[in-house]
Amino acid sequence: MSPIFTEREREQVLLSDLGLIAVAYAVRQAVLANGAAWVMCIYGVPVLAINAFFVLFTYLHHTHLSMPHYDSTESDWIKGALSTIDRDFGFLNRVFHHVTHTHVLHHLISYIPHIMQRRQGMPSNQSWVSIIRLTGHPSSKPCGERLWNAYISSQM
């Protein structure tokens, strides 16, 4: 086993690996029973769509002109955790269990699931953001325009 994981984590990695094997087997069985086109429509396209959203969200949370970039001599955990922003994605905030507008909190207290923020009695997003003096960079621009602006502004 790898020296990276504790004994408890090794068990979790093994369970995760077994889960991946089970899903791969189930997808294979579905392809054999229903055909590859059916599985792609029912399983493949939704998985690709969800993953595309998460790549988009991650990119937009970590790319903004106001976000500082640190080299290895000045970087530490808290600077890295605070080098992200929350973005409002409208109704998608609820669809994606508040991962879109509680991102900074996730970096600071990563063991609290995004959906549990309000249920755990955490202060509202605006309260803790103002406490740590960050802004959420709210924007009424469409997501595609924000993506393009983030991409263009991050070019070196």
Protein backbone atom coordinates (compact mmCIF):
# COMPACT_ATOMS: atom_id res chain seq x y z
CA MET A 1 0.00 0.00 0.00
CA SER A 2 0.99 3.61 -0.47
CA PRO A 3 2.51 5.54 2.44
CA ILE A 4 0.23 8.46 1.52
CA PHE A 5 -2.88 7.04 3.21
CA THR A 6 -3.67 6.19 6.82
CA GLU A 7 -5.12 2.75 7.56
CA ARG A 8 -8.65 4.18 7.63
CA GLU A 9 -8.05 6.00 4.33
CA ARG A 10 -6.61 2.85 2.76
CA GLU A 11 -9.85 1.05 3.53
CA GLN A 12 -11.81 3.92 1.98
CA VAL A 13 -9.61 3.87 -1.14
CA LEU A 14 -10.16 0.14 -1.45
CA LEU A 15 -13.94 0.58 -1.10
CA SER A 16 -13.84 3.35 -3.70
CA ASP A 17 -11.88 1.10 -6.08
CA LEU A 18 -14.40 -1.69 -5.57
CA GLY A 19 -17.22 0.79 -6.28
CA LEU A 20 -15.56 1.85 -9.53
CA ILE A 21 -15.16 -1.79 -10.56
CA ALA A 22 -18.83 -2.44 -9.76
CA VAL A 23 -19.96 0.56 -11.82
CA ALA A 24 -17.73 -0.47 -14.74
CA TYR A 25 -19.21 -3.97 -14.58
CA ALA A 26 -22.77 -2.60 -14.46
CA VAL A 27 -22.11 -0.35 -17.46
CA ARG A 28 -20.64 -3.29 -19.36
CA GLN A 29 -23.69 -5.41 -18.55
CA ALA A 30 -25.99 -2.57 -19.67
CA VAL A 31 -24.08 -2.29 -22.96
CA LEU A 32 -24.41 -6.02 -23.53
CA ALA A 33 -28.13 -5.95 -22.73
CA ASN A 34 -29.19 -2.69 -24.41
CA GLY A 35 -26.40 -1.58 -26.73
CA ALA A 36 -23.74 1.09 -26.52
CA ALA A 37 -25.91 3.85 -28.01
CA TRP A 38 -28.59 3.34 -25.35
CA VAL A 39 -26.05 3.37 -22.51
CA MET A 40 -24.39 6.46 -23.93
CA CYS A 41 -27.74 8.29 -24.04
CA ILE A 42 -28.94 7.14 -20.63
CA TYR A 43 -25.62 7.17 -18.74
CA GLY A 44 -22.75 8.62 -20.76
CA VAL A 45 -24.23 11.96 -21.82
CA PRO A 46 -25.56 12.86 -18.32
CA VAL A 47 -22.19 11.97 -16.74
CA LEU A 48 -20.35 14.11 -19.29
CA ALA A 49 -22.77 17.00 -18.75
CA ILE A 50 -22.42 16.96 -14.95
CA ASN A 51 -18.63 16.72 -15.20
CA ALA A 52 -18.59 19.63 -17.67
CA PHE A 53 -20.53 21.73 -15.16
CA PHE A 54 -18.06 20.89 -12.40
CA VAL A 55 -15.09 21.77 -14.60
CA LEU A 56 -16.81 25.06 -15.47
CA PHE A 57 -17.58 25.86 -11.83
CA THR A 58 -14.07 24.98 -10.70
CA TYR A 59 -12.50 27.10 -13.42
CA LEU A 60 -14.68 30.10 -12.63
CA HIS A 61 -14.15 29.75 -8.86
CA HIS A 62 -10.38 29.80 -9.24
CA THR A 63 -10.02 32.32 -12.07
CA HIS A 64 -10.58 36.01 -11.48
CA LEU A 65 -8.39 39.08 -11.86
CA SER A 66 -8.74 39.86 -8.15
CA MET A 67 -7.36 36.47 -7.08
CA PRO A 68 -3.72 36.61 -6.02
CA HIS A 69 -1.23 34.04 -7.26
CA TYR A 70 1.57 32.95 -4.94
CA ASP A 71 4.87 31.27 -5.66
CA SER A 72 6.17 28.45 -3.46
CA THR A 73 8.09 30.81 -1.17
CA GLU A 74 5.06 32.82 -0.07
CA SER A 75 2.23 30.31 -0.30
CA ASP A 76 0.61 28.68 2.70
CA TRP A 77 -2.64 26.84 3.43
CA ILE A 78 -4.77 29.85 4.35
CA LYS A 79 -3.61 31.94 1.38
CA GLY A 80 -4.43 29.02 -0.90
CA ALA A 81 -7.81 28.46 0.72
CA LEU A 82 -8.73 32.11 0.31
CA SER A 83 -7.52 32.32 -3.29
CA THR A 84 -10.95 31.43 -4.63
CA ILE A 85 -14.25 33.20 -5.01
CA ASP A 86 -17.92 32.40 -4.74
CA ARG A 87 -20.03 32.94 -7.82
CA ASP A 88 -23.78 33.07 -8.09
CA PHE A 89 -25.20 30.73 -10.74
CA GLY A 90 -28.84 31.50 -10.04
CA PHE A 91 -31.07 28.42 -9.95
CA LEU A 92 -28.05 26.19 -10.51
CA ASN A 93 -26.94 26.98 -6.94
CA ARG A 94 -29.79 24.81 -5.70
CA VAL A 95 -29.43 22.20 -8.46
CA PHE A 96 -25.78 21.61 -7.53
CA HIS A 97 -26.38 21.54 -3.75
CA HIS A 98 -24.92 25.01 -3.12
CA VAL A 99 -21.43 24.02 -4.31
CA THR A 100 -21.47 27.09 -6.57
CA HIS A 101 -21.84 29.83 -4.00
CA THR A 102 -20.27 28.27 -0.89
CA HIS A 103 -16.91 27.53 -2.47
CA VAL A 104 -14.76 29.70 -0.18
CA LEU A 105 -16.32 28.05 2.87
CA HIS A 106 -15.54 24.65 1.33
CA HIS A 107 -11.88 25.66 1.11
CA LEU A 108 -11.81 26.85 4.72
CA ILE A 109 -13.86 24.04 6.32
CA SER A 110 -13.76 21.25 3.76
CA TYR A 111 -15.43 18.59 5.91
CA ILE A 112 -18.80 20.39 5.85
CA PRO A 113 -20.74 19.31 2.74
CA HIS A 114 -21.96 22.27 0.70
CA ILE A 115 -25.61 21.28 1.10
CA MET A 116 -25.26 21.17 4.90
CA GLN A 117 -24.05 24.78 5.28
CA ARG A 118 -27.46 26.16 6.24
CA ARG A 119 -28.56 23.05 8.11
CA GLN A 120 -25.51 23.16 10.38
CA GLY A 121 -26.39 26.64 11.58
CA MET A 122 -23.57 28.23 9.63
CA PRO A 123 -23.99 31.95 9.06
CA SER A 124 -25.24 32.98 5.67
CA ASN A 125 -22.76 33.18 2.84
CA GLN A 126 -22.78 36.99 2.99
CA SER A 127 -21.99 36.98 6.74
CA TRP A 128 -18.86 34.84 6.68
CA VAL A 129 -17.65 36.34 3.41
CA SER A 130 -17.77 39.80 4.97
CA ILE A 131 -16.02 38.51 8.08
CA ILE A 132 -13.03 37.30 6.07
CA ARG A 133 -13.26 40.37 3.82
CA LEU A 134 -13.87 38.64 0.50
CA THR A 135 -16.47 39.41 -2.10
CA GLY A 136 -18.56 36.94 -4.03
CA HIS A 137 -18.21 38.86 -7.29
CA PRO A 138 -21.92 38.63 -8.08
CA SER A 139 -22.69 39.13 -11.73
CA SER A 140 -25.83 39.26 -13.81
CA LYS A 141 -23.84 38.33 -16.91
CA PRO A 142 -24.63 34.97 -18.54
CA CYS A 143 -22.37 32.09 -17.55
CA GLY A 144 -20.83 31.86 -21.02
CA GLU A 145 -19.81 35.51 -20.92
CA ARG A 146 -18.28 35.08 -17.45
CA LEU A 147 -16.36 32.02 -18.69
CA TRP A 148 -15.03 33.95 -21.70
CA ASN A 149 -14.05 36.96 -19.56
CA ALA A 150 -12.28 34.72 -17.02
CA TYR A 151 -10.40 32.93 -19.81
CA ILE A 152 -9.34 36.13 -21.58
CA SER A 153 -8.30 37.88 -18.35
CA SER A 154 -6.21 34.94 -17.15
CA GLN A 155 -4.03 34.76 -20.26
CA MET A 156 -0.43 35.63 -19.48
